[in-house]
Amino acid sequence: MYLCGYNGFIHFNPDKIEVDTIMPKIYVSGIEIHGKTVGVRDSVFGHVILDKSILITKKIDLSHEQNNFAIHLFHCIIKCPTKTNMLIG
């Protein structure tokens, strides 16, 4: 199969695609409340959400006033670094 990409043509055989069975570990890397990133010891509506890094926080309690939030997640698994491309944008 041939596809046209940004840097030219790409070719591959769909029958030779291997399904990766390794499940990556998922990490929480950040939290936003009402569109503002919450850092360690930041006060949101009078309450400190994080008393330590979110990477080592096991539980987060939010009040009803903090009902508009976003959680940032990431995973890190690189099986073959020479054949892995990462799209950053």
N, C-alpha and C. Protein backbone atom coordinates (compact mmCIF):
# COMPACT_ATOMS: atom_id res chain seq x y z
N MET A 1 0.85 -1.15 0.00
CA MET A 1 0.00 0.00 0.00
C MET A 1 0.91 1.23 0.00
N TYR A 2 0.54 2.22 -0.77
CA TYR A 2 1.29 3.47 -0.84
C TYR A 2 0.39 4.63 -0.40
N LEU A 3 0.95 5.51 0.39
CA LEU A 3 0.24 6.69 0.85
C LEU A 3 1.12 7.90 0.59
N CYS A 4 0.49 9.01 0.35
CA CYS A 4 1.23 10.25 0.14
C CYS A 4 1.21 11.03 1.44
N GLY A 5 2.40 11.34 1.96
CA GLY A 5 2.51 12.09 3.21
C GLY A 5 3.17 13.43 2.98
N TYR A 6 3.39 14.14 4.05
CA TYR A 6 3.98 15.46 3.99
C TYR A 6 5.39 15.43 3.39
N ASN A 7 6.14 14.38 3.71
CA ASN A 7 7.51 14.27 3.22
C ASN A 7 7.64 13.31 2.04
N GLY A 8 6.58 13.03 1.35
CA GLY A 8 6.64 12.14 0.18
C GLY A 8 5.77 10.92 0.38
N PHE A 9 6.13 9.85 -0.33
CA PHE A 9 5.34 8.62 -0.28
C PHE A 9 5.80 7.71 0.84
N ILE A 10 4.83 6.97 1.37
CA ILE A 10 5.08 5.98 2.40
C ILE A 10 4.52 4.67 1.88
N HIS A 11 5.27 3.59 2.05
CA HIS A 11 4.75 2.29 1.62
C HIS A 11 4.86 1.28 2.75
N PHE A 12 3.88 0.39 2.80
CA PHE A 12 3.88 -0.67 3.81
C PHE A 12 2.93 -1.76 3.36
N ASN A 13 3.08 -2.93 3.96
CA ASN A 13 2.21 -4.06 3.68
C ASN A 13 1.29 -4.23 4.89
N PRO A 14 -0.02 -3.97 4.74
CA PRO A 14 -0.95 -4.07 5.87
C PRO A 14 -0.97 -5.46 6.52
N ASP A 15 -0.63 -6.50 5.76
CA ASP A 15 -0.63 -7.86 6.32
C ASP A 15 0.54 -8.08 7.28
N LYS A 16 1.53 -7.20 7.25
CA LYS A 16 2.70 -7.37 8.10
C LYS A 16 2.69 -6.43 9.32
N ILE A 17 1.59 -5.75 9.54
CA ILE A 17 1.48 -4.89 10.71
C ILE A 17 1.30 -5.77 11.95
N GLU A 18 2.14 -5.54 12.96
CA GLU A 18 2.05 -6.30 14.20
C GLU A 18 1.30 -5.48 15.25
N VAL A 19 0.39 -6.14 15.93
CA VAL A 19 -0.36 -5.49 16.99
C VAL A 19 0.47 -5.54 18.26
N ASP A 20 0.66 -4.39 18.88
CA ASP A 20 1.43 -4.31 20.11
C ASP A 20 0.54 -4.71 21.28
N THR A 21 0.95 -5.71 22.03
CA THR A 21 0.13 -6.21 23.14
C THR A 21 0.56 -5.64 24.49
N ILE A 22 1.61 -4.82 24.50
CA ILE A 22 2.07 -4.22 25.74
C ILE A 22 1.20 -3.01 26.06
N MET A 23 0.57 -3.05 27.22
CA MET A 23 -0.27 -1.93 27.64
C MET A 23 0.59 -0.93 28.40
N PRO A 24 0.61 0.32 27.94
CA PRO A 24 1.44 1.31 28.62
C PRO A 24 0.84 1.72 29.97
N LYS A 25 1.71 2.10 30.91
CA LYS A 25 1.24 2.64 32.18
C LYS A 25 0.85 4.09 31.94
N ILE A 26 -0.31 4.47 32.44
CA ILE A 26 -0.83 5.82 32.25
C ILE A 26 -0.50 6.66 33.48
N TYR A 27 -0.01 7.87 33.25
CA TYR A 27 0.34 8.79 34.32
C TYR A 27 -0.51 10.05 34.23
N VAL A 28 -0.87 10.60 35.37
CA VAL A 28 -1.53 11.90 35.42
C VAL A 28 -0.41 12.94 35.52
N SER A 29 -0.36 13.85 34.57
CA SER A 29 0.74 14.82 34.53
C SER A 29 0.31 16.24 34.90
N GLY A 30 -0.98 16.47 35.01
CA GLY A 30 -1.43 17.81 35.35
C GLY A 30 -2.93 17.86 35.55
N ILE A 31 -3.36 18.94 36.17
CA ILE A 31 -4.79 19.17 36.36
C ILE A 31 -5.06 20.66 36.18
N GLU A 32 -6.17 20.96 35.56
CA GLU A 32 -6.64 22.34 35.42
C GLU A 32 -8.02 22.43 36.07
N ILE A 33 -8.25 23.53 36.75
CA ILE A 33 -9.58 23.80 37.31
C ILE A 33 -10.02 25.16 36.80
N HIS A 34 -11.17 25.17 36.16
CA HIS A 34 -11.71 26.37 35.52
C HIS A 34 -10.68 27.00 34.57
N GLY A 35 -9.97 26.14 33.82
CA GLY A 35 -9.04 26.60 32.79
C GLY A 35 -7.69 27.05 33.28
N LYS A 36 -7.42 26.91 34.58
CA LYS A 36 -6.13 27.35 35.14
C LYS A 36 -5.37 26.13 35.66
N THR A 37 -4.11 26.02 35.27
CA THR A 37 -3.28 24.92 35.72
C THR A 37 -3.05 25.02 37.23
N VAL A 38 -3.20 23.89 37.90
CA VAL A 38 -3.03 23.84 39.35
C VAL A 38 -1.64 23.28 39.66
N GLY A 39 -0.88 24.04 40.43
CA GLY A 39 0.45 23.60 40.86
C GLY A 39 0.43 23.20 42.32
N VAL A 40 1.57 22.72 42.77
CA VAL A 40 1.70 22.32 44.17
C VAL A 40 1.45 23.53 45.08
N ARG A 41 0.60 23.36 46.06
CA ARG A 41 0.21 24.36 47.06
C ARG A 41 -0.53 25.57 46.48
N ASP A 42 -1.04 25.46 45.27
CA ASP A 42 -1.89 26.52 44.71
C ASP A 42 -3.27 26.44 45.38
N SER A 43 -3.85 27.58 45.68
CA SER A 43 -5.16 27.64 46.30
C SER A 43 -6.21 27.89 45.21
N VAL A 44 -7.25 27.06 45.22
CA VAL A 44 -8.36 27.20 44.28
C VAL A 44 -9.64 27.28 45.10
N PHE A 45 -10.32 28.42 45.04
CA PHE A 45 -11.51 28.66 45.86
C PHE A 45 -11.23 28.41 47.34
N GLY A 46 -10.04 28.82 47.78
CA GLY A 46 -9.69 28.69 49.19
C GLY A 46 -9.21 27.32 49.63
N HIS A 47 -9.06 26.39 48.70
CA HIS A 47 -8.61 25.04 49.05
C HIS A 47 -7.33 24.69 48.28
N VAL A 48 -6.36 24.13 48.97
CA VAL A 48 -5.14 23.65 48.31
C VAL A 48 -5.44 22.26 47.76
N ILE A 49 -5.27 22.09 46.45
CA ILE A 49 -5.60 20.84 45.78
C ILE A 49 -4.44 19.84 45.87
N LEU A 50 -3.23 20.32 45.62
CA LEU A 50 -2.05 19.45 45.61
C LEU A 50 -1.06 19.88 46.69
N ASP A 51 -0.74 18.97 47.59
CA ASP A 51 0.29 19.28 48.59
C ASP A 51 1.65 18.70 48.19
N LYS A 52 1.67 17.94 47.09
CA LYS A 52 2.89 17.39 46.51
C LYS A 52 2.68 17.23 45.01
N SER A 53 3.71 16.85 44.30
CA SER A 53 3.61 16.69 42.84
C SER A 53 2.46 15.78 42.46
N ILE A 54 1.79 16.12 41.39
CA ILE A 54 0.66 15.29 40.93
C ILE A 54 1.13 13.91 40.50
N LEU A 55 2.40 13.78 40.12
CA LEU A 55 2.93 12.48 39.71
C LEU A 55 2.97 11.47 40.86
N ILE A 56 3.00 11.96 42.10
CA ILE A 56 3.03 11.04 43.24
C ILE A 56 1.78 11.18 44.13
N THR A 57 0.80 11.95 43.66
CA THR A 57 -0.46 12.12 44.39
C THR A 57 -1.37 10.94 44.09
N LYS A 58 -1.92 10.33 45.12
CA LYS A 58 -2.79 9.15 44.96
C LYS A 58 -4.27 9.51 44.91
N LYS A 59 -4.63 10.66 45.49
CA LYS A 59 -6.06 11.03 45.58
C LYS A 59 -6.19 12.55 45.53
N ILE A 60 -7.21 13.02 44.81
CA ILE A 60 -7.50 14.44 44.73
C ILE A 60 -8.97 14.63 45.10
N ASP A 61 -9.22 15.50 46.07
CA ASP A 61 -10.59 15.82 46.46
C ASP A 61 -10.95 17.19 45.93
N LEU A 62 -12.08 17.27 45.23
CA LEU A 62 -12.56 18.54 44.69
C LEU A 62 -13.92 18.87 45.30
N SER A 63 -14.16 20.15 45.51
CA SER A 63 -15.46 20.58 46.03
C SER A 63 -16.43 20.79 44.86
N HIS A 64 -17.66 21.06 45.17
CA HIS A 64 -18.66 21.29 44.12
C HIS A 64 -18.33 22.55 43.32
N GLU A 65 -17.57 23.48 43.90
CA GLU A 65 -17.17 24.69 43.17
C GLU A 65 -16.09 24.41 42.13
N GLN A 66 -15.43 23.28 42.26
CA GLN A 66 -14.34 22.91 41.37
C GLN A 66 -14.80 21.84 40.38
N ASN A 67 -16.00 22.03 39.84
CA ASN A 67 -16.61 21.02 38.98
C ASN A 67 -16.23 21.14 37.51
N ASN A 68 -15.46 22.13 37.15
CA ASN A 68 -15.00 22.30 35.77
C ASN A 68 -13.50 22.03 35.78
N PHE A 69 -13.11 20.81 35.42
CA PHE A 69 -11.70 20.45 35.51
C PHE A 69 -11.27 19.60 34.31
N ALA A 70 -9.98 19.60 34.08
CA ALA A 70 -9.37 18.77 33.04
C ALA A 70 -8.17 18.06 33.64
N ILE A 71 -8.00 16.82 33.27
CA ILE A 71 -6.88 16.03 33.76
C ILE A 71 -5.98 15.72 32.56
N HIS A 72 -4.70 15.98 32.71
CA HIS A 72 -3.72 15.71 31.66
C HIS A 72 -3.09 14.34 31.91
N LEU A 73 -3.09 13.51 30.89
CA LEU A 73 -2.55 12.16 30.99
C LEU A 73 -1.42 11.97 29.98
N PHE A 74 -0.51 11.05 30.29
CA PHE A 74 0.49 10.66 29.32
C PHE A 74 0.92 9.22 29.59
N HIS A 75 1.50 8.63 28.58
CA HIS A 75 2.09 7.31 28.75
C HIS A 75 3.45 7.32 28.08
N CYS A 76 4.30 6.46 28.55
CA CYS A 76 5.65 6.42 28.00
C CYS A 76 6.01 4.96 27.74
N ILE A 77 6.02 4.60 26.47
CA ILE A 77 6.45 3.26 26.09
C ILE A 77 7.06 3.38 24.70
N ILE A 78 8.31 3.05 24.61
CA ILE A 78 8.99 3.07 23.32
C ILE A 78 9.64 1.71 23.14
N LYS A 79 9.00 0.90 22.32
CA LYS A 79 9.46 -0.47 22.12
C LYS A 79 10.71 -0.51 21.24
N CYS A 80 10.71 0.29 20.21
CA CYS A 80 11.84 0.32 19.28
C CYS A 80 12.10 1.78 18.90
N PRO A 81 12.95 2.48 19.65
CA PRO A 81 13.14 3.93 19.44
C PRO A 81 13.54 4.32 18.03
N THR A 82 14.25 3.46 17.32
CA THR A 82 14.69 3.82 15.97
C THR A 82 13.55 3.78 14.97
N LYS A 83 12.46 3.10 15.31
CA LYS A 83 11.32 2.99 14.40
C LYS A 83 10.09 3.72 14.93
N THR A 84 10.25 4.48 16.01
CA THR A 84 9.13 5.18 16.61
C THR A 84 9.22 6.67 16.30
N ASN A 85 8.16 7.21 15.73
CA ASN A 85 8.08 8.64 15.45
C ASN A 85 7.05 9.24 16.39
N MET A 86 7.36 10.38 16.97
CA MET A 86 6.43 11.07 17.84
C MET A 86 5.99 12.36 17.19
N LEU A 87 4.71 12.58 17.18
CA LEU A 87 4.15 13.82 16.63
C LEU A 87 3.87 14.75 17.79
N ILE A 88 4.53 15.88 17.80
CA ILE A 88 4.35 16.87 18.86
C ILE A 88 3.70 18.10 18.26
N GLY A 89 2.61 18.52 18.84
CA GLY A 89 1.95 19.69 18.27
C GLY A 89 0.84 20.20 19.12
